[in-house]
Amino acid sequence: MHFHNGKAIRQLEISDFGKVYLTNDNPQHGESFLYDQSLDELALEESDYISDEMFNEVWNDR
Protein backbone atom coordinates (compact mmCIF):
# COMPACT_ATOMS: atom_id res chain seq x y z
CA MET A 1 0.00 0.00 0.00
CA HIS A 2 1.04 3.54 -0.68
CA PHE A 3 -0.09 6.04 1.95
CA HIS A 4 -0.28 9.83 1.80
CA ASN A 5 -1.12 11.78 4.95
CA GLY A 6 -2.02 8.51 6.69
CA LYS A 7 -4.54 7.42 4.04
CA ALA A 8 -4.09 4.64 1.47
CA ILE A 9 -4.01 6.06 -2.05
CA ARG A 10 -2.66 3.03 -3.94
CA GLN A 11 -2.76 -0.64 -3.12
CA LEU A 12 -1.35 -3.61 -4.98
CA GLU A 13 -2.49 -7.14 -4.26
CA ILE A 14 -0.42 -9.98 -5.72
CA SER A 15 -1.66 -13.56 -5.80
CA ASP A 16 -1.38 -16.69 -7.92
CA PHE A 17 -4.21 -15.26 -10.03
CA GLY A 18 -2.38 -12.04 -10.89
CA LYS A 19 -2.16 -8.46 -9.67
CA VAL A 20 -4.97 -6.18 -8.55
CA TYR A 21 -4.31 -2.42 -8.71
CA LEU A 22 -6.48 -0.25 -6.47
CA THR A 23 -6.51 3.55 -6.30
CA ASN A 24 -8.76 6.37 -5.12
CA ASP A 25 -10.23 6.44 -8.64
CA ASN A 26 -10.57 2.63 -8.75
CA PRO A 27 -11.11 1.55 -5.11
CA GLN A 28 -12.70 -1.84 -5.86
CA HIS A 29 -11.95 -4.77 -8.13
CA GLY A 30 -13.86 -7.99 -7.59
CA GLU A 31 -13.62 -8.78 -3.89
CA SER A 32 -10.66 -6.43 -3.34
CA PHE A 33 -11.12 -2.98 -1.79
CA LEU A 34 -8.69 -0.13 -1.22
CA TYR A 35 -7.74 -0.03 2.46
CA ASP A 36 -9.98 2.56 4.11
CA GLN A 37 -8.45 2.86 7.57
CA SER A 38 -5.62 5.05 8.83
CA LEU A 39 -2.01 3.93 8.57
CA ASP A 40 -1.96 4.16 12.37
CA GLU A 41 -4.58 1.35 12.52
CA LEU A 42 -2.11 -1.17 11.09
CA ALA A 43 0.20 -3.16 13.33
CA LEU A 44 3.26 -3.10 11.09
CA GLU A 45 6.82 -4.15 11.77
CA GLU A 46 9.84 -2.41 10.26
CA SER A 47 10.27 -5.37 7.89
CA ASP A 48 6.75 -4.77 6.48
CA TYR A 49 7.85 -1.52 4.84
CA ILE A 50 9.36 -1.21 1.37
CA SER A 51 10.84 1.82 -0.36
CA ASP A 52 8.89 4.06 -2.72
CA GLU A 53 11.17 2.90 -5.50
CA MET A 54 10.43 -0.77 -4.87
CA PHE A 55 6.67 -0.16 -4.70
CA ASN A 56 6.71 1.87 -7.92
CA GLU A 57 8.82 -0.73 -9.71
CA VAL A 58 6.22 -3.41 -9.01
CA TRP A 59 3.30 -1.01 -9.58
CA ASN A 60 4.64 0.01 -13.00
CA ASP A 61 5.33 -3.58 -14.10
CA ARG A 62 1.91 -4.14 -15.65
PDB file of N, CA and C in Angstrom:
ATOM      1  N   MET A   1       0.833  -1.174   0.000  1.00  0.00           N
ATOM      2  CA  MET A   1       0.000   0.000   0.000  1.00  0.00           C
ATOM      3  C   MET A   1       0.879   1.239   0.000  1.00  0.00           C
ATOM      4  N   HIS A   2       0.374   2.245  -0.643  1.00  0.00           N
ATOM      5  CA  HIS A   2       1.036   3.541  -0.680  1.00  0.00           C
ATOM      6  C   HIS A   2       0.133   4.509   0.077  1.00  0.00           C
ATOM      7  N   PHE A   3       0.670   5.116   1.123  1.00  0.00           N
ATOM      8  CA  PHE A   3      -0.092   6.042   1.952  1.00  0.00           C
ATOM      9  C   PHE A   3       0.359   7.473   1.716  1.00  0.00           C
ATOM     10  N   HIS A   4      -0.574   8.394   1.829  1.00  0.00           N
ATOM     11  CA  HIS A   4      -0.283   9.828   1.799  1.00  0.00           C
ATOM     12  C   HIS A   4      -1.114  10.466   2.901  1.00  0.00           C
ATOM     13  N   ASN A   5      -0.444  11.170   3.799  1.00  0.00           N
ATOM     14  CA  ASN A   5      -1.116  11.776   4.954  1.00  0.00           C
ATOM     15  C   ASN A   5      -1.928  10.748   5.752  1.00  0.00           C
ATOM     16  N   GLY A   6      -1.386   9.541   5.879  1.00  0.00           N
ATOM     17  CA  GLY A   6      -2.017   8.512   6.687  1.00  0.00           C
ATOM     18  C   GLY A   6      -3.138   7.750   6.023  1.00  0.00           C
ATOM     19  N   LYS A   7      -3.446   8.077   4.753  1.00  0.00           N
ATOM     20  CA  LYS A   7      -4.539   7.424   4.044  1.00  0.00           C
ATOM     21  C   LYS A   7      -3.994   6.659   2.833  1.00  0.00           C
ATOM     22  N   ALA A   8      -4.516   5.444   2.622  1.00  0.00           N
ATOM     23  CA  ALA A   8      -4.089   4.643   1.473  1.00  0.00           C
ATOM     24  C   ALA A   8      -4.563   5.296   0.186  1.00  0.00           C
ATOM     25  N   ILE A   9      -3.638   5.496  -0.755  1.00  0.00           N
ATOM     26  CA  ILE A   9      -4.012   6.062  -2.052  1.00  0.00           C
ATOM     27  C   ILE A   9      -3.757   5.086  -3.200  1.00  0.00           C
ATOM     28  N   ARG A  10      -2.897   4.101  -2.961  1.00  0.00           N
ATOM     29  CA  ARG A  10      -2.665   3.035  -3.943  1.00  0.00           C
ATOM     30  C   ARG A  10      -2.436   1.741  -3.184  1.00  0.00           C
ATOM     31  N   GLN A  11      -2.930   0.668  -3.751  1.00  0.00           N
ATOM     32  CA  GLN A  11      -2.762  -0.638  -3.120  1.00  0.00           C
ATOM     33  C   GLN A  11      -2.582  -1.663  -4.218  1.00  0.00           C
ATOM     34  N   LEU A  12      -1.640  -2.552  -4.028  1.00  0.00           N
ATOM     35  CA  LEU A  12      -1.352  -3.606  -4.985  1.00  0.00           C
ATOM     36  C   LEU A  12      -1.478  -4.941  -4.275  1.00  0.00           C
ATOM     37  N   GLU A  13      -2.336  -5.804  -4.807  1.00  0.00           N
ATOM     38  CA  GLU A  13      -2.493  -7.142  -4.257  1.00  0.00           C
ATOM     39  C   GLU A  13      -1.951  -8.130  -5.280  1.00  0.00           C
ATOM     40  N   ILE A  14      -1.044  -8.997  -4.838  1.00  0.00           N
ATOM     41  CA  ILE A  14      -0.420  -9.976  -5.723  1.00  0.00           C
ATOM     42  C   ILE A  14      -0.793 -11.361  -5.230  1.00  0.00           C
ATOM     43  N   SER A  15      -1.302 -12.182  -6.146  1.00  0.00           N
ATOM     44  CA  SER A  15      -1.657 -13.559  -5.805  1.00  0.00           C
ATOM     45  C   SER A  15      -1.310 -14.464  -6.978  1.00  0.00           C
ATOM     46  N   ASP A  16      -1.614 -15.741  -6.831  1.00  0.00           N
ATOM     47  CA  ASP A  16      -1.384 -16.690  -7.922  1.00  0.00           C
ATOM     48  C   ASP A  16      -2.236 -16.363  -9.144  1.00  0.00           C
ATOM     49  N   PHE A  17      -3.294 -15.592  -8.943  1.00  0.00           N
ATOM     50  CA  PHE A  17      -4.209 -15.263 -10.032  1.00  0.00           C
ATOM     51  C   PHE A  17      -3.825 -13.977 -10.753  1.00  0.00           C
ATOM     52  N   GLY A  18      -2.832 -13.271 -10.257  1.00  0.00           N
ATOM     53  CA  GLY A  18      -2.377 -12.041 -10.893  1.00  0.00           C
ATOM     54  C   GLY A  18      -2.292 -10.888  -9.920  1.00  0.00           C
ATOM     55  N   LYS A  19      -2.276  -9.680 -10.473  1.00  0.00           N
ATOM     56  CA  LYS A  19      -2.164  -8.460  -9.674  1.00  0.00           C
ATOM     57  C   LYS A  19      -3.464  -7.672  -9.741  1.00  0.00           C
ATOM     58  N   VAL A  20      -3.816  -7.059  -8.626  1.00  0.00           N
ATOM     59  CA  VAL A  20      -4.968  -6.175  -8.553  1.00  0.00           C
ATOM     60  C   VAL A  20      -4.453  -4.808  -8.132  1.00  0.00           C
ATOM     61  N   TYR A  21      -4.744  -3.791  -8.956  1.00  0.00           N
ATOM     62  CA  TYR A  21      -4.306  -2.424  -8.713  1.00  0.00           C
ATOM     63  C   TYR A  21      -5.502  -1.611  -8.238  1.00  0.00           C
ATOM     64  N   LEU A  22      -5.398  -1.045  -7.041  1.00  0.00           N
ATOM     65  CA  LEU A  22      -6.477  -0.245  -6.474  1.00  0.00           C
ATOM     66  C   LEU A  22      -5.987   1.165  -6.216  1.00  0.00           C
ATOM     67  N   THR A  23      -6.828   2.140  -6.509  1.00  0.00           N
ATOM     68  CA  THR A  23      -6.508   3.549  -6.298  1.00  0.00           C
ATOM     69  C   THR A  23      -7.749   4.278  -5.796  1.00  0.00           C
ATOM     70  N   ASN A  24      -7.603   5.560  -5.482  1.00  0.00           N
ATOM     71  CA  ASN A  24      -8.761   6.366  -5.116  1.00  0.00           C
ATOM     72  C   ASN A  24      -9.787   6.394  -6.244  1.00  0.00           C
ATOM     73  N   ASP A  25      -9.330   6.416  -7.491  1.00  0.00           N
ATOM     74  CA  ASP A  25     -10.229   6.436  -8.643  1.00  0.00           C
ATOM     75  C   ASP A  25     -10.804   5.062  -8.958  1.00  0.00           C
ATOM     76  N   ASN A  26     -10.134   4.008  -8.521  1.00  0.00           N
ATOM     77  CA  ASN A  26     -10.565   2.627  -8.752  1.00  0.00           C
ATOM     78  C   ASN A  26     -10.410   1.854  -7.441  1.00  0.00           C
ATOM     79  N   PRO A  27     -11.295   2.127  -6.454  1.00  0.00           N
ATOM     80  CA  PRO A  27     -11.112   1.553  -5.114  1.00  0.00           C
ATOM     81  C   PRO A  27     -11.582   0.114  -4.945  1.00  0.00           C
ATOM     82  N   GLN A  28     -12.208  -0.459  -5.974  1.00  0.00           N
ATOM     83  CA  GLN A  28     -12.702  -1.838  -5.856  1.00  0.00           C
ATOM     84  C   GLN A  28     -12.466  -2.593  -7.151  1.00  0.00           C
ATOM     85  N   HIS A  29     -12.076  -3.865  -6.989  1.00  0.00           N
ATOM     86  CA  HIS A  29     -11.948  -4.767  -8.130  1.00  0.00           C
ATOM     87  C   HIS A  29     -12.306  -6.155  -7.615  1.00  0.00           C
ATOM     88  N   GLY A  30     -13.411  -6.688  -8.095  1.00  0.00           N
ATOM     89  CA  GLY A  30     -13.864  -7.985  -7.586  1.00  0.00           C
ATOM     90  C   GLY A  30     -14.120  -7.901  -6.094  1.00  0.00           C
ATOM     91  N   GLU A  31     -13.463  -8.768  -5.347  1.00  0.00           N
ATOM     92  CA  GLU A  31     -13.617  -8.778  -3.891  1.00  0.00           C
ATOM     93  C   GLU A  31     -12.552  -7.955  -3.168  1.00  0.00           C
ATOM     94  N   SER A  32     -11.724  -7.253  -3.919  1.00  0.00           N
ATOM     95  CA  SER A  32     -10.660  -6.428  -3.337  1.00  0.00           C
ATOM     96  C   SER A  32     -11.113  -4.981  -3.205  1.00  0.00           C
ATOM     97  N   PHE A  33     -10.781  -4.372  -2.067  1.00  0.00           N
ATOM     98  CA  PHE A  33     -11.120  -2.983  -1.790  1.00  0.00           C
ATOM     99  C   PHE A  33      -9.895  -2.243  -1.298  1.00  0.00           C
ATOM    100  N   LEU A  34      -9.765  -0.980  -1.714  1.00  0.00           N
ATOM    101  CA  LEU A  34      -8.691  -0.127  -1.218  1.00  0.00           C
ATOM    102  C   LEU A  34      -8.838   0.037   0.290  1.00  0.00           C
ATOM    103  N   TYR A  35      -7.750  -0.146   1.007  1.00  0.00           N
ATOM    104  CA  TYR A  35      -7.742  -0.028   2.463  1.00  0.00           C
ATOM    105  C   TYR A  35      -8.310   1.319   2.871  1.00  0.00           C
ATOM    106  N   ASP A  36      -9.302   1.313   3.769  1.00  0.00           N
ATOM    107  CA  ASP A  36      -9.984   2.561   4.113  1.00  0.00           C
ATOM    108  C   ASP A  36      -9.777   2.996   5.562  1.00  0.00           C
ATOM    109  N   GLN A  37      -8.770   2.465   6.206  1.00  0.00           N
ATOM    110  CA  GLN A  37      -8.448   2.859   7.570  1.00  0.00           C
ATOM    111  C   GLN A  37      -7.159   3.678   7.558  1.00  0.00           C
ATOM    112  N   SER A  38      -6.842   4.270   8.676  1.00  0.00           N
ATOM    113  CA  SER A  38      -5.624   5.055   8.828  1.00  0.00           C
ATOM    114  C   SER A  38      -4.400   4.140   8.889  1.00  0.00           C
ATOM    115  N   LEU A  39      -3.279   4.655   8.447  1.00  0.00           N
ATOM    116  CA  LEU A  39      -2.011   3.930   8.568  1.00  0.00           C
ATOM    117  C   LEU A  39      -1.756   3.559  10.022  1.00  0.00           C
ATOM    118  N   ASP A  40      -2.165   4.412  10.941  1.00  0.00           N
ATOM    119  CA  ASP A  40      -1.965   4.159  12.368  1.00  0.00           C
ATOM    120  C   ASP A  40      -2.738   2.941  12.865  1.00  0.00           C
ATOM    121  N   GLU A  41      -3.762   2.506  12.134  1.00  0.00           N
ATOM    122  CA  GLU A  41      -4.575   1.351  12.522  1.00  0.00           C
ATOM    123  C   GLU A  41      -3.845   0.027  12.277  1.00  0.00           C
ATOM    124  N   LEU A  42      -2.840   0.049  11.428  1.00  0.00           N
ATOM    125  CA  LEU A  42      -2.110  -1.171  11.090  1.00  0.00           C
ATOM    126  C   LEU A  42      -1.026  -1.469  12.115  1.00  0.00           C
ATOM    127  N   ALA A  43      -0.884  -2.733  12.439  1.00  0.00           N
ATOM    128  CA  ALA A  43       0.197  -3.164  13.331  1.00  0.00           C
ATOM    129  C   ALA A  43       1.335  -3.674  12.451  1.00  0.00           C
ATOM    130  N   LEU A  44       2.175  -2.763  12.013  1.00  0.00           N
ATOM    131  CA  LEU A  44       3.257  -3.102  11.085  1.00  0.00           C
ATOM    132  C   LEU A  44       4.600  -3.162  11.804  1.00  0.00           C
ATOM    133  N   GLU A  45       5.434  -4.044  11.315  1.00  0.00           N
ATOM    134  CA  GLU A  45       6.816  -4.150  11.767  1.00  0.00           C
ATOM    135  C   GLU A  45       7.704  -3.417  10.762  1.00  0.00           C
ATOM    136  N   GLU A  46       8.889  -3.086  11.157  1.00  0.00           N
ATOM    137  CA  GLU A  46       9.836  -2.407  10.264  1.00  0.00           C
ATOM    138  C   GLU A  46      10.030  -3.200   8.970  1.00  0.00           C
ATOM    139  N   SER A  47      10.050  -4.531   9.065  1.00  0.00           N
ATOM    140  CA  SER A  47      10.265  -5.375   7.886  1.00  0.00           C
ATOM    141  C   SER A  47       9.071  -5.377   6.936  1.00  0.00           C
ATOM    142  N   ASP A  48       7.927  -4.835   7.343  1.00  0.00           N
ATOM    143  CA  ASP A  48       6.747  -4.767   6.482  1.00  0.00           C
ATOM    144  C   ASP A  48       6.845  -3.629   5.461  1.00  0.00           C
ATOM    145  N   TYR A  49       7.727  -2.684   5.710  1.00  0.00           N
ATOM    146  CA  TYR A  49       7.847  -1.517   4.843  1.00  0.00           C
ATOM    147  C   TYR A  49       8.787  -1.784   3.684  1.00  0.00           C
ATOM    148  N   ILE A  50       8.454  -1.198   2.531  1.00  0.00           N
ATOM    149  CA  ILE A  50       9.356  -1.209   1.374  1.00  0.00           C
ATOM    150  C   ILE A  50       9.545   0.233   0.924  1.00  0.00           C
ATOM    151  N   SER A  51      10.557   0.461   0.115  1.00  0.00           N
ATOM    152  CA  SER A  51      10.841   1.816  -0.363  1.00  0.00           C
ATOM    153  C   SER A  51       9.829   2.234  -1.432  1.00  0.00           C
ATOM    154  N   ASP A  52       9.731   3.545  -1.639  1.00  0.00           N
ATOM    155  CA  ASP A  52       8.891   4.065  -2.721  1.00  0.00           C
ATOM    156  C   ASP A  52       9.331   3.480  -4.054  1.00  0.00           C
ATOM    157  N   GLU A  53      10.640   3.401  -4.241  1.00  0.00           N
ATOM    158  CA  GLU A  53      11.174   2.899  -5.501  1.00  0.00           C
ATOM    159  C   GLU A  53      10.747   1.455  -5.742  1.00  0.00           C
ATOM    160  N   MET A  54      10.806   0.626  -4.719  1.00  0.00           N
ATOM    161  CA  MET A  54      10.431  -0.772  -4.870  1.00  0.00           C
ATOM    162  C   MET A  54       8.928  -0.896  -5.167  1.00  0.00           C
ATOM    163  N   PHE A  55       8.102  -0.137  -4.449  1.00  0.00           N
ATOM    164  CA  PHE A  55       6.666  -0.160  -4.696  1.00  0.00           C
ATOM    165  C   PHE A  55       6.375   0.253  -6.136  1.00  0.00           C
ATOM    166  N   ASN A  56       6.968   1.371  -6.570  1.00  0.00           N
ATOM    167  CA  ASN A  56       6.714   1.871  -7.924  1.00  0.00           C
ATOM    168  C   ASN A  56       7.212   0.919  -8.991  1.00  0.00           C
ATOM    169  N   GLU A  57       8.308   0.234  -8.740  1.00  0.00           N
ATOM    170  CA  GLU A  57       8.824  -0.735  -9.707  1.00  0.00           C
ATOM    171  C   GLU A  57       7.792  -1.837  -9.945  1.00  0.00           C
ATOM    172  N   VAL A  58       7.229  -2.363  -8.883  1.00  0.00           N
ATOM    173  CA  VAL A  58       6.217  -3.415  -9.010  1.00  0.00           C
ATOM    174  C   VAL A  58       4.927  -2.844  -9.567  1.00  0.00           C
ATOM    175  N   TRP A  59       4.521  -1.658  -9.118  1.00  0.00           N
ATOM    176  CA  TRP A  59       3.298  -1.013  -9.577  1.00  0.00           C
ATOM    177  C   TRP A  59       3.351  -0.766 -11.089  1.00  0.00           C
ATOM    178  N   ASN A  60       4.493  -0.327 -11.582  1.00  0.00           N
ATOM    179  CA  ASN A  60       4.641   0.012 -13.003  1.00  0.00           C
ATOM    180  C   ASN A  60       4.888  -1.184 -13.889  1.00  0.00           C
ATOM    181  N   ASP A  61       5.097  -2.360 -13.322  1.00  0.00           N
ATOM    182  CA  ASP A  61       5.335  -3.584 -14.095  1.00  0.00           C
ATOM    183  C   ASP A  61       3.989  -4.248 -14.399  1.00  0.00           C
ATOM    184  N   ARG A  62       3.260  -3.644 -15.314  1.00  0.00           N
ATOM    185  CA  ARG A  62       1.910  -4.135 -15.653  1.00  0.00           C
ATOM    186  C   ARG A  62       1.944  -4.991 -16.876  1.00  0.00           C
TER     187      ARG A  62
END
